[in-house]
Every structure is written in structure tokens, then in C-alpha cells.
């Protein structure tokens, strides 16, 4: 910065020979103000002026660097790094399916948590039994099954029913109970043979 001199003072600024009036409320006198040239290099307690604007660098690891960012937040790289608040759906929530599948008879087309489907035989021509084996067990046996069935493409439009297979005890009060319902397997029955089965398990 250049030296400051009288000749560089802004317009209207008092010169060396200017005399300013002064009043203490009772008496009025004049005070002479003298301005002396000042050199920037001779000044003390000068502020530090950065050489140029600094662009922050997120990846800067040197804490002594001017472009280092302090107190950066940790950004999760996967959803498992996050913690759900209460009431949010997660993998253990009963609102999500425990398993689902689409099969043609015993041939699985797509699935989640279903390792195999086995045909167990028929009861006449109205009930065809299949056993679903889960890849990972259910937390308990209080789960439910929802499904639909349909014929193959050669019988388009034929829709049947599918449900958990139950066994009648054959005596009053004729209480029905699942023929096979464990944490690892579930038996279902369909009224169609070799059907397309869409099944979902909640619990």
C-alpha cells in the first residue's frame, strides 16, 4: 500500500493549516489539527490480509491448510448406517412381507425367502397340496398366507383359490388346524392342478 500523505487526503478533509472550532458548551475556542504522513510499513498491529480468496476442499486432510474444512459431517454411504426413528418401517416390521413367491407348480419363477416348493399330492380333484420351505425361518408360527392361483397360458382366464392347508379332526366341534405350519415350512392347498401360484407371507 502506498504511503498516506496530505496530498492524498479526500476532498474536504482538514488540511495541516486548518483550524477547527471547539466548544465546551460555555466557551468557544479553536483547535488546530495537524495531519502527518503515515507509512503502512511503519504501522503496528496491522490486520493480516489474505493473499487471495480460498476455495474450500472437501478432501483436504491437512488441518494446517487454508482450504481445510473443519467439523465436516459424516455422510452415510449405505442405508444400514442410518438409524430409524420410532414408528418407521424396517426389516423387522410386521408391515413388510416375510416371504413371497411366484411359481408354476413347483417351479419357482421369482421369490423372496423361499428356497423350494414341493408337491405333496392331491385329495381327489379339488385339493392339490404344496409345501413351501423358507430360506430363513419365520420369527414364530403366528404368520399368515395370502395367495392367488391361475391356470397356465393354455387356460387363460381360469382362476382358482389357494390357502393354508387345514386338517379336520373328524369329530365335533370339527376343529380345523394347519396340516403343516412351522417356522421353516408351510403347506398350502389349491383347487387347481399345476397352477401359477402367487403367494405372500406376513407375520
N, C-alpha and C. Protein backbone atom coordinates (compact mmCIF):
# COMPACT_ATOMS: atom_id res chain seq x y z
N UNK A 1 0.86 -1.19 0.00
CA UNK A 1 0.00 0.00 0.00
C UNK A 1 0.89 1.23 0.00
N UNK A 2 0.52 2.28 -0.75
CA UNK A 2 1.32 3.50 -0.82
C UNK A 2 1.22 4.30 0.47
N UNK A 3 2.26 5.12 0.72
CA UNK A 3 2.25 5.98 1.90
C UNK A 3 1.10 6.96 1.82
N UNK A 4 0.52 7.28 2.98
CA UNK A 4 -0.56 8.26 3.06
C UNK A 4 0.04 9.63 3.32
N UNK A 5 -0.29 10.59 2.52
CA UNK A 5 0.24 11.95 2.70
C UNK A 5 -0.90 12.95 2.64
N UNK A 6 -0.59 14.18 2.98
CA UNK A 6 -1.60 15.22 2.99
C UNK A 6 -2.22 15.37 1.60
N UNK A 7 -1.39 15.25 0.58
CA UNK A 7 -1.88 15.46 -0.77
C UNK A 7 -2.88 14.40 -1.20
N UNK A 8 -2.89 13.24 -0.51
CA UNK A 8 -3.79 12.16 -0.88
C UNK A 8 -5.05 12.11 -0.03
N UNK A 9 -5.23 13.10 0.85
CA UNK A 9 -6.43 13.11 1.69
C UNK A 9 -7.66 13.39 0.84
N UNK A 10 -8.82 12.86 1.21
CA UNK A 10 -10.03 13.06 0.41
C UNK A 10 -10.46 14.52 0.42
N UNK A 11 -11.25 14.93 -0.57
CA UNK A 11 -11.73 16.32 -0.63
C UNK A 11 -12.50 16.69 0.63
N UNK A 12 -12.27 17.92 1.14
CA UNK A 12 -12.96 18.39 2.32
C UNK A 12 -12.31 17.99 3.63
N UNK A 13 -11.31 17.10 3.57
CA UNK A 13 -10.63 16.67 4.79
C UNK A 13 -9.76 17.83 5.28
N UNK A 14 -9.73 18.10 6.60
CA UNK A 14 -8.95 19.25 7.10
C UNK A 14 -7.48 19.14 6.71
N UNK A 15 -6.93 20.24 6.27
CA UNK A 15 -5.50 20.28 5.93
C UNK A 15 -4.68 20.62 7.18
N UNK A 16 -3.39 20.64 7.00
CA UNK A 16 -2.49 20.89 8.14
C UNK A 16 -2.76 22.23 8.78
N UNK A 17 -3.05 23.22 7.95
CA UNK A 17 -3.20 24.58 8.47
C UNK A 17 -4.62 24.89 8.89
N UNK A 18 -5.54 23.94 8.70
CA UNK A 18 -6.94 24.20 9.07
C UNK A 18 -7.08 24.31 10.58
N UNK A 19 -7.98 25.19 11.00
CA UNK A 19 -8.28 25.37 12.41
C UNK A 19 -9.76 25.09 12.60
N UNK A 20 -10.09 24.19 13.51
CA UNK A 20 -11.48 23.80 13.73
C UNK A 20 -12.01 24.44 15.00
N UNK A 21 -13.25 24.90 14.97
CA UNK A 21 -13.84 25.48 16.20
C UNK A 21 -14.13 24.38 17.22
N UNK A 22 -14.04 24.73 18.48
CA UNK A 22 -14.30 23.78 19.56
C UNK A 22 -15.11 24.49 20.61
N UNK A 23 -16.11 23.85 21.14
CA UNK A 23 -16.95 24.46 22.17
C UNK A 23 -17.16 23.45 23.28
N UNK A 24 -17.04 23.92 24.55
CA UNK A 24 -17.33 23.06 25.70
C UNK A 24 -18.70 23.38 26.29
N UNK A 25 -19.50 24.12 25.54
CA UNK A 25 -20.83 24.49 25.99
C UNK A 25 -20.90 25.89 26.54
N UNK A 26 -19.75 26.41 26.98
CA UNK A 26 -19.71 27.76 27.55
C UNK A 26 -18.80 28.66 26.73
N UNK A 27 -17.59 28.19 26.50
CA UNK A 27 -16.60 28.97 25.77
C UNK A 27 -16.32 28.30 24.43
N UNK A 28 -16.02 29.11 23.48
CA UNK A 28 -15.68 28.61 22.16
C UNK A 28 -14.25 28.99 21.85
N UNK A 29 -13.49 28.04 21.43
CA UNK A 29 -12.10 28.29 21.06
C UNK A 29 -11.80 27.55 19.79
N UNK A 30 -10.60 27.63 19.31
CA UNK A 30 -10.21 26.96 18.09
C UNK A 30 -9.08 25.99 18.38
N UNK A 31 -9.16 24.82 17.76
CA UNK A 31 -8.15 23.78 17.91
C UNK A 31 -7.51 23.54 16.56
N UNK A 32 -6.21 23.59 16.54
CA UNK A 32 -5.51 23.34 15.29
C UNK A 32 -5.21 21.85 15.18
N UNK A 33 -5.59 21.25 14.06
CA UNK A 33 -5.37 19.84 13.80
C UNK A 33 -4.27 19.70 12.78
N UNK A 34 -3.30 18.86 13.08
CA UNK A 34 -2.21 18.63 12.15
C UNK A 34 -2.17 17.15 11.78
N UNK A 35 -2.17 16.87 10.49
CA UNK A 35 -2.10 15.52 9.99
C UNK A 35 -0.73 15.27 9.40
N UNK A 36 -0.11 14.17 9.87
CA UNK A 36 1.23 13.85 9.43
C UNK A 36 1.19 12.66 8.46
N UNK A 37 2.09 12.63 7.52
CA UNK A 37 2.17 11.47 6.62
C UNK A 37 2.42 10.18 7.40
N UNK A 38 1.71 9.10 7.03
CA UNK A 38 1.85 7.81 7.70
C UNK A 38 2.21 6.76 6.67
N UNK A 39 3.20 5.93 7.00
CA UNK A 39 3.60 4.84 6.13
C UNK A 39 2.96 3.53 6.61
N UNK A 40 2.35 2.77 5.65
CA UNK A 40 1.75 1.47 6.00
C UNK A 40 2.78 0.53 6.63
N UNK A 41 3.99 0.58 6.11
CA UNK A 41 5.02 -0.33 6.60
C UNK A 41 5.46 0.00 8.02
N UNK A 42 5.23 1.25 8.46
CA UNK A 42 5.64 1.64 9.81
C UNK A 42 4.55 1.42 10.85
N UNK A 43 3.35 1.02 10.40
CA UNK A 43 2.24 0.82 11.33
C UNK A 43 2.41 -0.48 12.11
N UNK A 44 1.87 -0.52 13.33
CA UNK A 44 1.88 -1.72 14.16
C UNK A 44 0.46 -2.28 14.27
N UNK A 45 0.37 -3.59 14.65
CA UNK A 45 -0.93 -4.27 14.82
C UNK A 45 -1.78 -4.21 13.55
N UNK A 46 -1.11 -4.34 12.42
CA UNK A 46 -1.85 -4.34 11.16
C UNK A 46 -2.62 -5.65 11.00
N UNK A 47 -3.81 -5.65 10.40
CA UNK A 47 -4.55 -6.90 10.14
C UNK A 47 -3.85 -7.72 9.08
N UNK A 48 -4.05 -9.06 9.17
CA UNK A 48 -3.50 -9.95 8.16
C UNK A 48 -4.48 -10.04 6.99
N UNK A 49 -4.03 -9.66 5.84
CA UNK A 49 -4.88 -9.66 4.65
C UNK A 49 -4.53 -10.89 3.82
N UNK A 50 -5.50 -11.80 3.60
CA UNK A 50 -5.21 -12.99 2.79
C UNK A 50 -4.70 -12.62 1.40
N UNK A 51 -3.84 -13.48 0.89
CA UNK A 51 -3.28 -13.20 -0.43
C UNK A 51 -4.34 -13.27 -1.51
N UNK A 52 -5.32 -14.19 -1.36
CA UNK A 52 -6.38 -14.34 -2.35
C UNK A 52 -7.54 -15.09 -1.72
N UNK A 53 -8.68 -15.16 -2.41
CA UNK A 53 -9.83 -15.91 -1.92
C UNK A 53 -9.49 -17.40 -1.88
N UNK A 54 -9.91 -18.11 -0.81
CA UNK A 54 -9.60 -19.53 -0.63
C UNK A 54 -10.82 -20.36 -1.02
N UNK A 55 -10.62 -21.33 -1.87
CA UNK A 55 -11.66 -22.28 -2.22
C UNK A 55 -11.52 -23.51 -1.31
N UNK A 56 -12.56 -23.81 -0.53
CA UNK A 56 -12.52 -24.95 0.40
C UNK A 56 -12.46 -26.26 -0.38
N UNK A 57 -11.70 -27.19 0.17
CA UNK A 57 -11.54 -28.50 -0.46
C UNK A 57 -12.04 -29.58 0.50
N UNK A 58 -13.15 -30.25 0.13
CA UNK A 58 -13.74 -31.27 1.00
C UNK A 58 -12.75 -32.39 1.30
N UNK A 59 -11.90 -32.72 0.36
CA UNK A 59 -10.98 -33.85 0.52
C UNK A 59 -9.65 -33.45 1.15
N UNK A 60 -9.50 -32.19 1.53
CA UNK A 60 -8.25 -31.76 2.14
C UNK A 60 -8.12 -32.36 3.55
N UNK A 61 -7.05 -33.12 3.78
CA UNK A 61 -6.84 -33.79 5.07
C UNK A 61 -5.83 -33.07 5.95
N UNK A 62 -5.09 -32.13 5.37
CA UNK A 62 -4.09 -31.38 6.13
C UNK A 62 -4.78 -30.29 6.94
N UNK A 63 -4.81 -30.44 8.26
CA UNK A 63 -5.53 -29.49 9.11
C UNK A 63 -4.89 -28.11 9.11
N UNK A 64 -3.64 -28.00 8.67
CA UNK A 64 -2.97 -26.72 8.63
C UNK A 64 -3.16 -25.98 7.33
N UNK A 65 -3.80 -26.60 6.37
CA UNK A 65 -4.01 -25.97 5.08
C UNK A 65 -5.18 -24.99 5.14
N UNK A 66 -5.04 -23.88 4.38
CA UNK A 66 -6.09 -22.87 4.40
C UNK A 66 -7.41 -23.38 3.83
N UNK A 67 -7.35 -24.36 2.94
CA UNK A 67 -8.59 -24.87 2.34
C UNK A 67 -9.17 -26.06 3.11
N UNK A 68 -8.65 -26.35 4.30
CA UNK A 68 -9.16 -27.45 5.12
C UNK A 68 -10.52 -27.07 5.71
N UNK A 69 -11.48 -28.00 5.69
CA UNK A 69 -12.82 -27.76 6.24
C UNK A 69 -12.91 -28.42 7.61
N UNK A 70 -13.23 -27.63 8.61
CA UNK A 70 -13.36 -28.16 9.96
C UNK A 70 -14.79 -28.64 10.20
N UNK A 71 -14.91 -29.59 11.14
CA UNK A 71 -16.22 -30.06 11.62
C UNK A 71 -17.12 -30.57 10.48
N UNK A 72 -16.52 -31.30 9.55
CA UNK A 72 -17.32 -31.87 8.47
C UNK A 72 -18.24 -32.97 9.01
N UNK A 73 -19.51 -33.05 8.55
CA UNK A 73 -20.39 -34.13 8.98
C UNK A 73 -20.01 -35.44 8.33
N UNK A 74 -20.34 -36.53 8.98
CA UNK A 74 -20.12 -37.86 8.41
C UNK A 74 -21.32 -38.21 7.54
N UNK A 75 -21.10 -38.43 6.26
CA UNK A 75 -22.18 -38.74 5.32
C UNK A 75 -22.28 -40.25 5.16
N UNK A 76 -23.43 -40.86 5.48
CA UNK A 76 -23.57 -42.32 5.33
C UNK A 76 -23.38 -42.75 3.89
N UNK A 77 -22.77 -43.90 3.72
CA UNK A 77 -22.57 -44.45 2.37
C UNK A 77 -23.58 -45.53 2.04
N UNK A 78 -24.35 -46.00 3.03
CA UNK A 78 -25.38 -47.02 2.79
C UNK A 78 -26.49 -46.83 3.83
N UNK A 79 -27.68 -47.31 3.50
CA UNK A 79 -28.84 -47.09 4.36
C UNK A 79 -28.69 -47.78 5.71
N UNK A 80 -27.89 -48.84 5.80
CA UNK A 80 -27.72 -49.53 7.07
C UNK A 80 -26.94 -48.68 8.08
N UNK A 81 -26.31 -47.59 7.61
CA UNK A 81 -25.63 -46.68 8.52
C UNK A 81 -26.61 -45.80 9.27
N UNK A 82 -27.85 -45.75 8.81
CA UNK A 82 -28.85 -44.87 9.40
C UNK A 82 -29.62 -45.57 10.50
N UNK A 83 -30.17 -44.79 11.41
CA UNK A 83 -30.99 -45.32 12.50
C UNK A 83 -32.41 -44.78 12.34
N UNK A 84 -33.39 -45.66 12.26
CA UNK A 84 -34.77 -45.23 12.12
C UNK A 84 -35.30 -44.65 13.42
N UNK A 85 -36.15 -43.63 13.30
CA UNK A 85 -36.89 -43.15 14.46
C UNK A 85 -38.02 -44.14 14.75
N UNK A 86 -38.64 -43.98 15.91
CA UNK A 86 -39.73 -44.88 16.28
C UNK A 86 -40.89 -44.70 15.30
N UNK A 87 -41.51 -45.81 14.95
CA UNK A 87 -42.66 -45.77 14.06
C UNK A 87 -42.32 -45.95 12.59
N UNK A 88 -41.03 -45.98 12.26
CA UNK A 88 -40.65 -46.16 10.86
C UNK A 88 -40.56 -47.65 10.53
N UNK A 89 -40.82 -47.98 9.27
CA UNK A 89 -40.77 -49.36 8.82
C UNK A 89 -39.33 -49.80 8.65
N UNK A 90 -39.00 -50.97 9.13
CA UNK A 90 -37.67 -51.53 8.92
C UNK A 90 -37.81 -53.01 8.59
N UNK A 91 -36.67 -53.72 8.48
CA UNK A 91 -36.69 -55.11 8.04
C UNK A 91 -37.41 -56.04 9.02
N UNK A 92 -37.55 -55.63 10.28
CA UNK A 92 -38.22 -56.47 11.27
C UNK A 92 -39.69 -56.09 11.47
N UNK A 93 -40.17 -55.14 10.68
CA UNK A 93 -41.54 -54.68 10.84
C UNK A 93 -42.52 -55.71 10.29
N UNK A 94 -43.65 -55.87 10.98
CA UNK A 94 -44.68 -56.80 10.54
C UNK A 94 -45.42 -56.28 9.31
N UNK A 95 -45.17 -55.03 8.92
CA UNK A 95 -45.84 -54.48 7.75
C UNK A 95 -45.22 -54.97 6.45
N UNK A 96 -44.02 -55.52 6.52
CA UNK A 96 -43.34 -56.00 5.31
C UNK A 96 -43.50 -57.50 5.18
N UNK A 97 -43.57 -58.02 3.95
CA UNK A 97 -43.69 -59.48 3.78
C UNK A 97 -42.46 -60.20 4.34
N UNK A 98 -42.70 -61.33 4.99
CA UNK A 98 -41.62 -62.20 5.44
C UNK A 98 -41.10 -63.06 4.29
N UNK A 99 -41.98 -63.30 3.33
CA UNK A 99 -41.60 -64.10 2.16
C UNK A 99 -42.66 -63.89 1.09
N UNK A 100 -42.27 -64.11 -0.16
CA UNK A 100 -43.22 -64.10 -1.27
C UNK A 100 -42.65 -64.93 -2.41
N UNK A 101 -43.53 -65.36 -3.30
CA UNK A 101 -43.05 -66.17 -4.42
C UNK A 101 -44.08 -66.17 -5.55
N UNK A 102 -43.59 -66.47 -6.73
CA UNK A 102 -44.40 -66.75 -7.90
C UNK A 102 -43.87 -68.05 -8.48
N UNK A 103 -44.75 -69.03 -8.62
CA UNK A 103 -44.30 -70.33 -9.12
C UNK A 103 -45.31 -70.90 -10.11
N UNK A 104 -44.80 -71.78 -10.95
CA UNK A 104 -45.67 -72.59 -11.81
C UNK A 104 -45.57 -74.01 -11.27
N UNK A 105 -46.56 -74.40 -10.49
CA UNK A 105 -46.46 -75.67 -9.77
C UNK A 105 -45.31 -75.58 -8.77
N UNK A 106 -44.30 -76.40 -8.95
CA UNK A 106 -43.15 -76.38 -8.03
C UNK A 106 -41.97 -75.60 -8.60
N UNK A 107 -42.10 -75.07 -9.80
CA UNK A 107 -41.01 -74.31 -10.42
C UNK A 107 -41.13 -72.84 -10.02
N UNK A 108 -40.17 -72.38 -9.25
CA UNK A 108 -40.20 -71.00 -8.75
C UNK A 108 -39.77 -70.05 -9.87
N UNK A 109 -40.61 -69.07 -10.17
CA UNK A 109 -40.30 -68.04 -11.16
C UNK A 109 -39.53 -66.89 -10.53
N UNK A 110 -39.96 -66.46 -9.37
CA UNK A 110 -39.28 -65.42 -8.60
C UNK A 110 -39.70 -65.59 -7.15
N UNK A 111 -38.86 -65.10 -6.24
CA UNK A 111 -39.15 -65.35 -4.82
C UNK A 111 -38.33 -64.44 -3.92
N UNK A 112 -38.78 -64.35 -2.69
CA UNK A 112 -38.00 -63.76 -1.60
C UNK A 112 -38.17 -64.65 -0.38
N UNK A 113 -37.08 -65.16 0.15
CA UNK A 113 -37.06 -66.00 1.34
C UNK A 113 -37.82 -67.32 1.15
N UNK A 114 -37.84 -67.83 -0.06
CA UNK A 114 -38.43 -69.14 -0.33
C UNK A 114 -37.38 -69.98 -1.05
N UNK A 115 -37.00 -71.10 -0.44
CA UNK A 115 -35.93 -71.92 -1.02
C UNK A 115 -36.47 -73.00 -1.96
N UNK A 116 -37.69 -73.52 -1.68
CA UNK A 116 -38.23 -74.57 -2.54
C UNK A 116 -39.73 -74.70 -2.34
N UNK A 117 -40.38 -75.30 -3.34
CA UNK A 117 -41.81 -75.64 -3.28
C UNK A 117 -41.95 -77.09 -3.72
N UNK A 118 -42.59 -77.89 -2.88
CA UNK A 118 -42.71 -79.33 -3.13
C UNK A 118 -44.18 -79.71 -3.29
N UNK A 119 -44.47 -80.55 -4.30
CA UNK A 119 -45.84 -81.05 -4.49
C UNK A 119 -46.05 -82.27 -3.60
N UNK A 120 -47.13 -82.26 -2.80
CA UNK A 120 -47.39 -83.33 -1.84
C UNK A 120 -48.49 -84.30 -2.28
N UNK A 121 -49.12 -84.03 -3.41
CA UNK A 121 -50.19 -84.91 -3.84
C UNK A 121 -51.54 -84.21 -3.81
N UNK A 122 -52.58 -84.97 -4.16
CA UNK A 122 -53.92 -84.40 -4.27
C UNK A 122 -54.91 -85.18 -3.43
N UNK A 123 -56.01 -84.51 -3.13
CA UNK A 123 -57.14 -85.15 -2.48
C UNK A 123 -58.30 -85.04 -3.46
N UNK A 124 -58.49 -86.10 -4.24
CA UNK A 124 -59.50 -86.06 -5.30
C UNK A 124 -59.05 -85.11 -6.39
N UNK A 125 -60.00 -84.35 -6.89
CA UNK A 125 -59.69 -83.37 -7.96
C UNK A 125 -59.98 -81.94 -7.51
N UNK A 126 -60.07 -81.75 -6.19
CA UNK A 126 -60.43 -80.42 -5.70
C UNK A 126 -59.38 -79.83 -4.76
N UNK A 127 -58.38 -80.61 -4.39
CA UNK A 127 -57.37 -80.09 -3.47
C UNK A 127 -56.00 -80.64 -3.86
N UNK A 128 -55.09 -79.73 -4.13
CA UNK A 128 -53.72 -80.09 -4.51
C UNK A 128 -52.79 -79.40 -3.51
N UNK A 129 -51.90 -80.19 -2.92
CA UNK A 129 -51.11 -79.71 -1.78
C UNK A 129 -49.66 -79.43 -2.18
N UNK A 130 -49.15 -78.31 -1.65
CA UNK A 130 -47.77 -77.91 -1.88
C UNK A 130 -47.15 -77.46 -0.55
N UNK A 131 -45.87 -77.77 -0.37
CA UNK A 131 -45.16 -77.34 0.83
C UNK A 131 -44.13 -76.28 0.44
N UNK A 132 -44.21 -75.15 1.11
CA UNK A 132 -43.26 -74.06 0.91
C UNK A 132 -42.19 -74.17 1.99
N UNK A 133 -40.93 -74.15 1.60
CA UNK A 133 -39.82 -74.16 2.56
C UNK A 133 -39.15 -72.79 2.52
N UNK A 134 -39.01 -72.18 3.70
CA UNK A 134 -38.44 -70.84 3.79
C UNK A 134 -36.92 -70.90 3.87
N UNK A 135 -36.27 -69.93 3.25
CA UNK A 135 -34.81 -69.82 3.33
C UNK A 135 -34.39 -69.45 4.75
N UNK A 136 -35.02 -68.44 5.31
CA UNK A 136 -34.81 -68.04 6.70
C UNK A 136 -36.10 -68.26 7.46
N UNK A 137 -36.04 -68.81 8.65
CA UNK A 137 -37.25 -69.15 9.39
C UNK A 137 -38.07 -67.93 9.79
N UNK A 138 -39.35 -68.14 9.95
CA UNK A 138 -40.23 -67.12 10.48
C UNK A 138 -39.92 -66.90 11.97
N UNK A 139 -40.21 -65.72 12.51
CA UNK A 139 -39.94 -65.50 13.94
C UNK A 139 -40.82 -66.35 14.85
N UNK A 140 -42.01 -66.73 14.35
CA UNK A 140 -42.91 -67.61 15.09
C UNK A 140 -43.91 -68.19 14.09
N UNK A 141 -44.86 -68.95 14.59
CA UNK A 141 -45.84 -69.58 13.69
C UNK A 141 -47.13 -68.77 13.57
N UNK A 142 -47.12 -67.55 14.08
CA UNK A 142 -48.32 -66.71 14.01
C UNK A 142 -48.35 -65.86 12.74
N UNK A 143 -47.85 -66.41 11.65
CA UNK A 143 -47.86 -65.68 10.39
C UNK A 143 -49.09 -66.09 9.58
N UNK A 144 -49.33 -65.34 8.52
CA UNK A 144 -50.48 -65.64 7.66
C UNK A 144 -50.03 -65.71 6.21
N UNK A 145 -50.84 -66.34 5.40
CA UNK A 145 -50.55 -66.53 3.98
C UNK A 145 -51.69 -65.96 3.14
N UNK A 146 -51.33 -65.24 2.10
CA UNK A 146 -52.31 -64.71 1.15
C UNK A 146 -51.83 -65.09 -0.25
N UNK A 147 -52.73 -65.61 -1.07
CA UNK A 147 -52.29 -66.02 -2.41
C UNK A 147 -53.43 -66.11 -3.40
N UNK A 148 -53.04 -66.21 -4.66
CA UNK A 148 -53.99 -66.44 -5.75
C UNK A 148 -53.38 -67.48 -6.68
N UNK A 149 -54.22 -68.17 -7.44
CA UNK A 149 -53.74 -69.16 -8.40
C UNK A 149 -54.47 -68.97 -9.72
N UNK A 150 -53.82 -69.40 -10.78
CA UNK A 150 -54.44 -69.35 -12.11
C UNK A 150 -53.87 -70.46 -12.96
N UNK A 151 -54.58 -70.81 -14.02
CA UNK A 151 -54.13 -71.86 -14.93
C UNK A 151 -52.97 -71.36 -15.78
N UNK A 152 -52.37 -72.27 -16.51
CA UNK A 152 -51.28 -71.93 -17.42
C UNK A 152 -51.82 -71.13 -18.59
N UNK A 153 -50.93 -70.69 -19.47
CA UNK A 153 -51.32 -69.84 -20.58
C UNK A 153 -52.31 -70.51 -21.52
N UNK A 154 -52.36 -71.85 -21.52
CA UNK A 154 -53.31 -72.55 -22.40
C UNK A 154 -54.73 -72.49 -21.86
N UNK A 155 -54.87 -72.04 -20.59
CA UNK A 155 -56.20 -71.94 -19.98
C UNK A 155 -56.36 -70.54 -19.39
N UNK A 156 -56.11 -69.55 -20.20
CA UNK A 156 -56.17 -68.17 -19.73
C UNK A 156 -57.58 -67.86 -19.21
N UNK A 157 -57.62 -67.18 -18.07
CA UNK A 157 -58.89 -66.76 -17.50
C UNK A 157 -59.43 -67.67 -16.44
N UNK A 158 -58.84 -68.87 -16.27
CA UNK A 158 -59.29 -69.79 -15.23
C UNK A 158 -58.58 -69.43 -13.93
N UNK A 159 -59.31 -68.97 -12.94
CA UNK A 159 -58.75 -68.54 -11.66
C UNK A 159 -59.30 -69.42 -10.56
N UNK A 160 -58.42 -69.86 -9.65
CA UNK A 160 -58.85 -70.70 -8.55
C UNK A 160 -58.55 -70.05 -7.22
N UNK A 161 -58.45 -70.87 -6.20
CA UNK A 161 -58.18 -70.37 -4.85
C UNK A 161 -57.02 -71.15 -4.25
N UNK A 162 -56.33 -70.52 -3.32
CA UNK A 162 -55.23 -71.16 -2.61
C UNK A 162 -55.23 -70.62 -1.18
N UNK A 163 -54.91 -71.49 -0.26
CA UNK A 163 -54.91 -71.08 1.16
C UNK A 163 -54.03 -72.02 1.95
N UNK A 164 -53.87 -71.72 3.22
CA UNK A 164 -53.15 -72.63 4.11
C UNK A 164 -53.94 -73.94 4.18
N UNK A 165 -53.26 -75.05 4.06
CA UNK A 165 -53.91 -76.37 4.11
C UNK A 165 -54.29 -76.71 5.55
N UNK A 166 -55.53 -77.04 5.75
CA UNK A 166 -56.02 -77.39 7.08
C UNK A 166 -56.48 -78.84 7.12
N UNK A 167 -56.46 -79.41 8.30
CA UNK A 167 -56.90 -80.79 8.52
C UNK A 167 -58.07 -80.79 9.50
N UNK A 168 -59.13 -81.51 9.17
CA UNK A 168 -60.30 -81.62 10.04
C UNK A 168 -60.06 -82.79 10.99
N UNK A 169 -60.32 -82.58 12.27
CA UNK A 169 -60.10 -83.67 13.22
C UNK A 169 -61.18 -84.75 13.14
N UNK A 170 -62.22 -84.50 12.35
CA UNK A 170 -63.22 -85.53 12.10
C UNK A 170 -64.21 -85.75 13.23
N UNK A 171 -64.20 -84.92 14.24
CA UNK A 171 -65.13 -85.08 15.35
C UNK A 171 -65.54 -83.70 15.85
N UNK A 172 -66.75 -83.63 16.46
CA UNK A 172 -67.20 -82.34 17.00
C UNK A 172 -66.14 -81.80 17.99
N UNK A 173 -65.86 -80.52 18.03
CA UNK A 173 -66.52 -79.46 17.24
C UNK A 173 -65.89 -79.24 15.87
N UNK A 174 -65.30 -80.28 15.29
CA UNK A 174 -64.73 -80.22 13.95
C UNK A 174 -63.70 -79.09 13.82
N UNK A 175 -62.84 -79.03 14.78
CA UNK A 175 -61.80 -78.00 14.77
C UNK A 175 -60.78 -78.27 13.67
N UNK A 176 -60.58 -77.28 12.82
CA UNK A 176 -59.57 -77.39 11.77
C UNK A 176 -58.24 -76.83 12.28
N UNK A 177 -57.16 -77.41 11.84
CA UNK A 177 -55.84 -76.91 12.21
C UNK A 177 -54.91 -77.10 11.02
N UNK A 178 -53.86 -76.26 10.92
CA UNK A 178 -52.95 -76.39 9.77
C UNK A 178 -52.31 -77.76 9.73
N UNK A 179 -52.27 -78.35 8.55
CA UNK A 179 -51.64 -79.66 8.42
C UNK A 179 -50.12 -79.56 8.53
N UNK A 180 -49.56 -78.42 8.14
CA UNK A 180 -48.12 -78.19 8.30
C UNK A 180 -47.88 -76.68 8.30
N UNK A 181 -47.55 -76.18 9.47
CA UNK A 181 -47.27 -74.75 9.61
C UNK A 181 -46.23 -74.58 10.71
N UNK A 182 -44.97 -74.48 10.31
CA UNK A 182 -43.88 -74.30 11.26
C UNK A 182 -43.12 -73.04 10.89
N UNK A 183 -42.05 -72.74 11.60
CA UNK A 183 -41.26 -71.55 11.29
C UNK A 183 -40.43 -71.75 10.02
N UNK A 184 -40.30 -72.99 9.58
CA UNK A 184 -39.48 -73.27 8.39
C UNK A 184 -40.29 -73.73 7.18
N UNK A 185 -41.54 -74.23 7.41
CA UNK A 185 -42.33 -74.74 6.29
C UNK A 185 -43.81 -74.43 6.46
N UNK A 186 -44.48 -74.33 5.32
CA UNK A 186 -45.93 -74.11 5.30
C UNK A 186 -46.53 -74.91 4.17
N UNK A 187 -47.63 -75.63 4.48
CA UNK A 187 -48.34 -76.37 3.43
C UNK A 187 -49.56 -75.57 3.00
N UNK A 188 -49.73 -75.44 1.69
CA UNK A 188 -50.88 -74.74 1.15
C UNK A 188 -51.65 -75.70 0.24
N UNK A 189 -52.90 -75.37 -0.04
CA UNK A 189 -53.71 -76.20 -0.93
C UNK A 189 -54.36 -75.32 -1.99
N UNK A 190 -54.46 -75.87 -3.18
CA UNK A 190 -55.08 -75.16 -4.30
C UNK A 190 -56.16 -76.06 -4.90
N UNK A 191 -57.18 -75.42 -5.47
CA UNK A 191 -58.21 -76.21 -6.12
C UNK A 191 -57.92 -76.42 -7.60
N UNK A 192 -56.72 -75.97 -8.04
CA UNK A 192 -56.29 -76.19 -9.42
C UNK A 192 -55.00 -76.99 -9.42
N UNK A 193 -54.86 -77.86 -10.39
CA UNK A 193 -53.62 -78.62 -10.53
C UNK A 193 -52.63 -77.86 -11.40
N UNK A 194 -51.35 -77.98 -11.08
CA UNK A 194 -50.26 -77.30 -11.81
C UNK A 194 -50.58 -75.84 -12.08
N UNK A 195 -50.93 -75.09 -11.06
CA UNK A 195 -51.31 -73.70 -11.29
C UNK A 195 -50.11 -72.75 -11.19
N UNK A 196 -50.32 -71.54 -11.68
CA UNK A 196 -49.45 -70.45 -11.31
C UNK A 196 -49.88 -69.98 -9.93
N UNK A 197 -48.94 -69.97 -9.00
CA UNK A 197 -49.27 -69.58 -7.62
C UNK A 197 -48.54 -68.28 -7.28
N UNK A 198 -49.31 -67.32 -6.80
CA UNK A 198 -48.74 -66.07 -6.27
C UNK A 198 -48.99 -66.10 -4.77
N UNK A 199 -47.94 -66.09 -3.96
CA UNK A 199 -48.11 -66.20 -2.51
C UNK A 199 -47.27 -65.18 -1.76
N UNK A 200 -47.84 -64.65 -0.67
CA UNK A 200 -47.16 -63.70 0.20
C UNK A 200 -47.39 -64.11 1.64
N UNK A 201 -46.33 -64.05 2.46
CA UNK A 201 -46.42 -64.41 3.87
C UNK A 201 -46.13 -63.18 4.71
N UNK A 202 -47.05 -62.85 5.62
CA UNK A 202 -46.87 -61.75 6.57
C UNK A 202 -46.85 -62.33 7.98
N UNK A 203 -46.18 -61.64 8.88
CA UNK A 203 -46.22 -62.10 10.28
C UNK A 203 -45.16 -61.48 11.12
